[in-house]
N, C-alpha and C. Protein backbone atom coordinates (compact mmCIF):
# COMPACT_ATOMS: atom_id res chain seq x y z
N MET A 1 40.37 -59.84 -86.01
CA MET A 1 39.44 -59.49 -84.95
C MET A 1 40.13 -58.58 -83.94
N ASP A 2 39.45 -57.53 -83.54
CA ASP A 2 39.98 -56.56 -82.57
C ASP A 2 39.30 -56.78 -81.22
N PHE A 3 40.09 -57.20 -80.24
CA PHE A 3 39.56 -57.47 -78.91
C PHE A 3 39.82 -56.33 -77.92
N THR A 4 40.30 -55.21 -78.39
CA THR A 4 40.67 -54.12 -77.50
C THR A 4 39.46 -53.48 -76.80
N SER A 5 38.26 -53.74 -77.30
CA SER A 5 37.08 -53.16 -76.65
C SER A 5 36.62 -53.99 -75.45
N LEU A 6 37.24 -55.13 -75.21
CA LEU A 6 36.86 -55.98 -74.08
C LEU A 6 37.57 -55.51 -72.82
N TYR A 7 36.85 -55.51 -71.71
CA TYR A 7 37.48 -55.18 -70.43
C TYR A 7 36.66 -55.77 -69.29
N ASN A 8 37.31 -55.87 -68.15
CA ASN A 8 36.67 -56.39 -66.95
C ASN A 8 35.82 -55.27 -66.35
N HIS A 9 34.56 -55.50 -66.21
CA HIS A 9 33.63 -54.49 -65.68
C HIS A 9 34.08 -53.94 -64.33
N HIS A 10 34.68 -54.77 -63.50
CA HIS A 10 35.06 -54.35 -62.17
C HIS A 10 36.26 -53.41 -62.14
N GLU A 11 37.03 -53.32 -63.21
CA GLU A 11 38.23 -52.49 -63.20
C GLU A 11 37.93 -51.04 -62.83
N ARG A 12 37.02 -50.43 -63.51
CA ARG A 12 36.73 -49.01 -63.26
C ARG A 12 36.23 -48.80 -61.84
N GLU A 13 35.35 -49.70 -61.38
CA GLU A 13 34.82 -49.57 -60.02
C GLU A 13 35.92 -49.74 -58.98
N VAL A 14 36.79 -50.71 -59.19
CA VAL A 14 37.89 -50.94 -58.24
C VAL A 14 38.86 -49.77 -58.26
N PHE A 15 39.22 -49.28 -59.42
CA PHE A 15 40.16 -48.15 -59.50
C PHE A 15 39.59 -46.93 -58.75
N ALA A 16 38.30 -46.65 -58.95
CA ALA A 16 37.66 -45.52 -58.27
C ALA A 16 37.63 -45.75 -56.76
N ALA A 17 37.33 -46.97 -56.34
CA ALA A 17 37.27 -47.28 -54.90
C ALA A 17 38.65 -47.20 -54.27
N VAL A 18 39.67 -47.63 -54.98
CA VAL A 18 41.04 -47.53 -54.46
C VAL A 18 41.40 -46.06 -54.25
N MET A 19 41.12 -45.22 -55.21
CA MET A 19 41.46 -43.80 -55.08
C MET A 19 40.64 -43.13 -53.98
N ALA A 20 39.39 -43.52 -53.84
CA ALA A 20 38.55 -42.93 -52.79
C ALA A 20 39.00 -43.37 -51.41
N SER A 21 39.50 -44.59 -51.28
CA SER A 21 39.92 -45.12 -49.99
C SER A 21 41.36 -44.77 -49.63
N ALA A 22 42.16 -44.41 -50.59
CA ALA A 22 43.59 -44.17 -50.38
C ALA A 22 43.91 -43.19 -49.25
N PRO A 23 43.17 -42.10 -49.08
CA PRO A 23 43.52 -41.17 -48.00
C PRO A 23 43.48 -41.81 -46.61
N GLY A 24 42.77 -42.91 -46.46
CA GLY A 24 42.74 -43.60 -45.18
C GLY A 24 43.96 -44.46 -44.92
N TYR A 25 44.84 -44.53 -45.90
CA TYR A 25 46.06 -45.34 -45.81
C TYR A 25 47.25 -44.49 -46.24
N PRO A 26 47.69 -43.56 -45.38
CA PRO A 26 48.74 -42.61 -45.78
C PRO A 26 50.05 -43.26 -46.22
N ASP A 27 50.38 -44.43 -45.68
CA ASP A 27 51.63 -45.09 -46.08
C ASP A 27 51.54 -45.66 -47.50
N ILE A 28 50.34 -45.86 -47.97
CA ILE A 28 50.13 -46.43 -49.31
C ILE A 28 49.77 -45.34 -50.31
N GLU A 29 49.01 -44.37 -49.85
CA GLU A 29 48.46 -43.33 -50.73
C GLU A 29 49.50 -42.65 -51.61
N SER A 30 50.68 -42.43 -51.07
CA SER A 30 51.70 -41.67 -51.80
C SER A 30 52.57 -42.55 -52.70
N ASP A 31 52.31 -43.84 -52.74
CA ASP A 31 53.14 -44.75 -53.53
C ASP A 31 52.31 -45.38 -54.65
N PRO A 32 52.48 -44.90 -55.89
CA PRO A 32 51.70 -45.43 -57.01
C PRO A 32 51.85 -46.94 -57.20
N GLU A 33 53.03 -47.46 -56.88
CA GLU A 33 53.25 -48.91 -57.02
C GLU A 33 52.37 -49.68 -56.03
N LEU A 34 52.26 -49.19 -54.82
CA LEU A 34 51.43 -49.86 -53.83
C LEU A 34 49.95 -49.72 -54.16
N LEU A 35 49.55 -48.58 -54.69
CA LEU A 35 48.15 -48.41 -55.10
C LEU A 35 47.81 -49.40 -56.23
N ALA A 36 48.72 -49.59 -57.14
CA ALA A 36 48.50 -50.57 -58.20
C ALA A 36 48.42 -51.98 -57.63
N ASP A 37 49.24 -52.26 -56.62
CA ASP A 37 49.17 -53.56 -55.94
C ASP A 37 47.80 -53.76 -55.30
N VAL A 38 47.29 -52.74 -54.65
CA VAL A 38 45.97 -52.81 -54.02
C VAL A 38 44.91 -53.13 -55.07
N ALA A 39 44.96 -52.43 -56.19
CA ALA A 39 43.99 -52.68 -57.25
C ALA A 39 44.08 -54.11 -57.77
N CYS A 40 45.29 -54.61 -57.95
CA CYS A 40 45.47 -55.99 -58.43
C CYS A 40 44.91 -57.00 -57.44
N VAL A 41 45.22 -56.82 -56.17
CA VAL A 41 44.73 -57.74 -55.14
C VAL A 41 43.20 -57.71 -55.10
N ALA A 42 42.63 -56.51 -55.13
CA ALA A 42 41.16 -56.39 -55.09
C ALA A 42 40.52 -57.05 -56.31
N LEU A 43 41.07 -56.79 -57.49
CA LEU A 43 40.50 -57.39 -58.70
C LEU A 43 40.61 -58.91 -58.68
N ASN A 44 41.67 -59.43 -58.12
CA ASN A 44 41.83 -60.88 -58.04
C ASN A 44 40.87 -61.52 -57.04
N ARG A 45 40.28 -60.72 -56.17
CA ARG A 45 39.31 -61.24 -55.20
C ARG A 45 37.89 -61.22 -55.75
N LEU A 46 37.71 -60.60 -56.89
CA LEU A 46 36.37 -60.50 -57.49
C LEU A 46 36.28 -61.41 -58.72
N PRO A 47 35.10 -61.95 -58.98
CA PRO A 47 34.97 -62.74 -60.20
C PRO A 47 35.04 -61.82 -61.43
N PRO A 48 35.79 -62.19 -62.44
CA PRO A 48 35.88 -61.32 -63.62
C PRO A 48 34.54 -61.28 -64.36
N ARG A 49 34.22 -60.12 -64.89
CA ARG A 49 33.01 -59.93 -65.69
C ARG A 49 33.40 -59.12 -66.92
N TYR A 50 33.78 -59.83 -67.96
CA TYR A 50 34.25 -59.16 -69.16
C TYR A 50 33.08 -58.73 -70.03
N ILE A 51 33.17 -57.49 -70.48
CA ILE A 51 32.13 -56.89 -71.31
C ILE A 51 32.77 -56.06 -72.41
N ARG A 52 31.95 -55.66 -73.35
CA ARG A 52 32.42 -54.74 -74.39
C ARG A 52 31.90 -53.34 -74.14
N HIS A 53 30.70 -53.24 -73.64
CA HIS A 53 30.08 -51.93 -73.39
C HIS A 53 29.43 -51.96 -72.02
N GLN A 54 29.53 -50.87 -71.30
CA GLN A 54 28.95 -50.77 -69.97
C GLN A 54 27.49 -51.19 -69.95
N VAL A 55 26.75 -50.77 -70.95
CA VAL A 55 25.32 -51.08 -70.99
C VAL A 55 25.09 -52.58 -71.11
N ASP A 56 26.03 -53.31 -71.71
CA ASP A 56 25.88 -54.76 -71.84
C ASP A 56 25.73 -55.43 -70.48
N TYR A 57 26.38 -54.89 -69.48
CA TYR A 57 26.38 -55.50 -68.17
C TYR A 57 25.33 -54.88 -67.25
N SER A 58 25.37 -53.59 -67.09
CA SER A 58 24.51 -52.95 -66.10
C SER A 58 23.04 -52.96 -66.48
N PHE A 59 22.73 -53.03 -67.75
CA PHE A 59 21.33 -53.03 -68.19
C PHE A 59 20.58 -54.25 -67.66
N TYR A 60 21.28 -55.35 -67.52
CA TYR A 60 20.63 -56.60 -67.13
C TYR A 60 20.69 -56.89 -65.63
N LEU A 61 21.26 -56.00 -64.86
CA LEU A 61 21.36 -56.21 -63.42
C LEU A 61 20.14 -55.67 -62.69
N THR A 62 19.73 -56.39 -61.65
CA THR A 62 18.68 -55.87 -60.78
C THR A 62 19.32 -54.92 -59.77
N GLU A 63 18.51 -54.17 -59.07
CA GLU A 63 19.03 -53.27 -58.04
C GLU A 63 19.76 -54.07 -56.96
N ARG A 64 19.25 -55.22 -56.61
CA ARG A 64 19.89 -56.08 -55.60
C ARG A 64 21.26 -56.54 -56.08
N GLU A 65 21.36 -56.94 -57.35
CA GLU A 65 22.65 -57.38 -57.91
C GLU A 65 23.65 -56.22 -57.92
N ARG A 66 23.18 -55.03 -58.26
CA ARG A 66 24.07 -53.85 -58.24
C ARG A 66 24.58 -53.59 -56.82
N ALA A 67 23.68 -53.67 -55.85
CA ALA A 67 24.08 -53.44 -54.46
C ALA A 67 25.07 -54.50 -54.00
N ASP A 68 24.83 -55.74 -54.39
CA ASP A 68 25.76 -56.83 -54.03
C ASP A 68 27.13 -56.61 -54.64
N ILE A 69 27.17 -56.18 -55.89
CA ILE A 69 28.45 -55.92 -56.56
C ILE A 69 29.18 -54.76 -55.90
N ASP A 70 28.45 -53.69 -55.59
CA ASP A 70 29.06 -52.54 -54.91
C ASP A 70 29.66 -52.96 -53.57
N ALA A 71 28.92 -53.77 -52.82
CA ALA A 71 29.42 -54.24 -51.52
C ALA A 71 30.64 -55.13 -51.70
N ALA A 72 30.62 -55.99 -52.70
CA ALA A 72 31.76 -56.88 -52.96
C ALA A 72 33.00 -56.08 -53.35
N VAL A 73 32.83 -55.04 -54.15
CA VAL A 73 33.96 -54.19 -54.56
C VAL A 73 34.53 -53.48 -53.33
N LYS A 74 33.67 -52.91 -52.50
CA LYS A 74 34.14 -52.21 -51.30
C LYS A 74 34.89 -53.16 -50.38
N GLU A 75 34.37 -54.35 -50.18
CA GLU A 75 35.03 -55.32 -49.30
C GLU A 75 36.36 -55.78 -49.90
N ALA A 76 36.39 -56.02 -51.21
CA ALA A 76 37.63 -56.46 -51.86
C ALA A 76 38.70 -55.38 -51.76
N VAL A 77 38.32 -54.13 -51.92
CA VAL A 77 39.29 -53.02 -51.84
C VAL A 77 39.78 -52.85 -50.40
N ALA A 78 38.88 -52.90 -49.44
CA ALA A 78 39.29 -52.76 -48.04
C ALA A 78 40.23 -53.90 -47.65
N SER A 79 39.90 -55.10 -48.06
CA SER A 79 40.74 -56.25 -47.76
C SER A 79 42.11 -56.12 -48.45
N ALA A 80 42.10 -55.63 -49.67
CA ALA A 80 43.35 -55.46 -50.43
C ALA A 80 44.25 -54.41 -49.76
N PHE A 81 43.66 -53.32 -49.28
CA PHE A 81 44.46 -52.32 -48.57
C PHE A 81 45.09 -52.93 -47.32
N ARG A 82 44.32 -53.69 -46.56
CA ARG A 82 44.87 -54.31 -45.36
C ARG A 82 46.00 -55.28 -45.71
N PHE A 83 45.80 -56.05 -46.77
CA PHE A 83 46.81 -57.01 -47.20
C PHE A 83 48.10 -56.30 -47.62
N VAL A 84 47.98 -55.32 -48.48
CA VAL A 84 49.17 -54.60 -48.97
C VAL A 84 49.83 -53.84 -47.82
N GLU A 85 49.03 -53.27 -46.95
CA GLU A 85 49.59 -52.55 -45.81
C GLU A 85 50.40 -53.49 -44.92
N SER A 86 49.86 -54.68 -44.67
CA SER A 86 50.58 -55.63 -43.82
C SER A 86 51.85 -56.13 -44.49
N ARG A 87 51.79 -56.35 -45.79
CA ARG A 87 52.97 -56.82 -46.52
C ARG A 87 54.02 -55.73 -46.64
N SER A 88 53.60 -54.50 -46.87
CA SER A 88 54.58 -53.42 -47.04
C SER A 88 55.24 -53.08 -45.71
N ALA A 89 54.57 -53.35 -44.60
CA ALA A 89 55.17 -53.10 -43.28
C ALA A 89 56.33 -54.05 -43.02
N LEU A 90 56.33 -55.20 -43.70
CA LEU A 90 57.40 -56.18 -43.52
C LEU A 90 58.63 -55.88 -44.39
N ARG A 91 58.44 -55.03 -45.40
CA ARG A 91 59.56 -54.72 -46.30
C ARG A 91 60.49 -53.70 -45.68
N PRO A 92 61.78 -53.82 -45.98
CA PRO A 92 62.72 -52.79 -45.49
C PRO A 92 62.42 -51.46 -46.18
N LYS A 93 62.56 -50.39 -45.44
CA LYS A 93 62.35 -49.04 -46.01
C LYS A 93 63.45 -48.72 -47.00
N ARG A 94 63.08 -48.00 -48.06
CA ARG A 94 64.04 -47.62 -49.09
C ARG A 94 64.83 -46.42 -48.71
């Protein structure tokens, strides 16, 4: 059995939101490791929704559910940036 077609629906949305929000966090934007940390923190704040095909998930959502998911992704990403920013401020500079 090949499970490589399975993925968390929120991954693509979170990755796009992280990249769109990154310019607002100049200390994080230039560090790929910190951007990956932000994505991990944000994804861990959202319930996983594993699917095989995009249509499997979005076809069955109402407009309200889509709006709720979009808002949850935005909040998770904003919170993750604040968290990583606060933690990275405590680390010694390289």
